[in-house]
Amino acid sequence: MKRFWEIDSLRGIAIIAMVISNLVTDLIFFGLYFPGSLAGFWNLFAYATATTFIVLVGISLSLSYSRVRKWKKQRLWKKYIERGLKILSWGLIITAVTYLLMDSGYILFGVLHLIGLSIILSVPFLNFKELNLWLGGLLIFLGIFTKTFTVDFSWLVWLGLMPQNFFSVDYFPLLPWFGVVLTGIYLGKIFYPDGKRMLKIKERKSGMLSYLGKHSLIIYLIHQPILIGLLYLLVL
């Protein structure tokens, strides 16, 4: 599958920003940094980083679909289900590890859970264009709305309904984040119709940012153990 250097580079920027954001969170968790007046900035930075990363997930799904849309439905569903389950499995491993290692705030439904499930759920929407923009906006609105109240149960945390005092260091429920994925699919169809770049951008050789973008999953999987291990050594 042809890759677009600008997509890989943007993903590379997003993964660097995510590592920085998680480093700040880890420093706060270990009591090594107190953001004070910068707390609002770091919250905004984290949301902007996550939004960029997840929009790119939607754009990448749109590009992928443009190359396989003529496949038989059974084969098409199999491709995305297998891909989604693979990433979701990594998310479940992270859930198990953080549950064993953390007293509170373990990752119940983080960004990998979201991406894995979104890949599977996106299949019926990959053939649409404007509908994804409207549905995405609706889901984002519903996600903002659900944050204004709590519930007495925890079995819909993955959807965005949180019980009182719920806390997780990495939480990306379907509401509103699947709406961001759908918005990304819409943008992919706008800027890359039929899998072809609409804007005239000069081709470039793959640089460091592009390299990081191509390997964003492995970077995501290993960066936290490395950061937490180094911080443990600092506080010992």
Foldseek 3Di string as FASTA:
>chain_A
DDDAQVLLLLLLVLLVLQLVLVLVVLCVVLVNDDCVVCPVVSVVSNVVSLLSNLLSLLLVLLLVCLVCVPPDPVVVLVVLLVVLVVLLVLQVVQQVVQVVVDPAQGPPQADSNLSSVLSNVCVVVSVDAVVLLVVLVVLQVVLVVLVVDADDDDPQQLQRHHHPPHHHPGGDHVRNSSSSSSVSNNVSCVQQPSNHGPDDDDDDDNDPSSVCSVVSVVCVSPSVVVSNVVVVVVVD
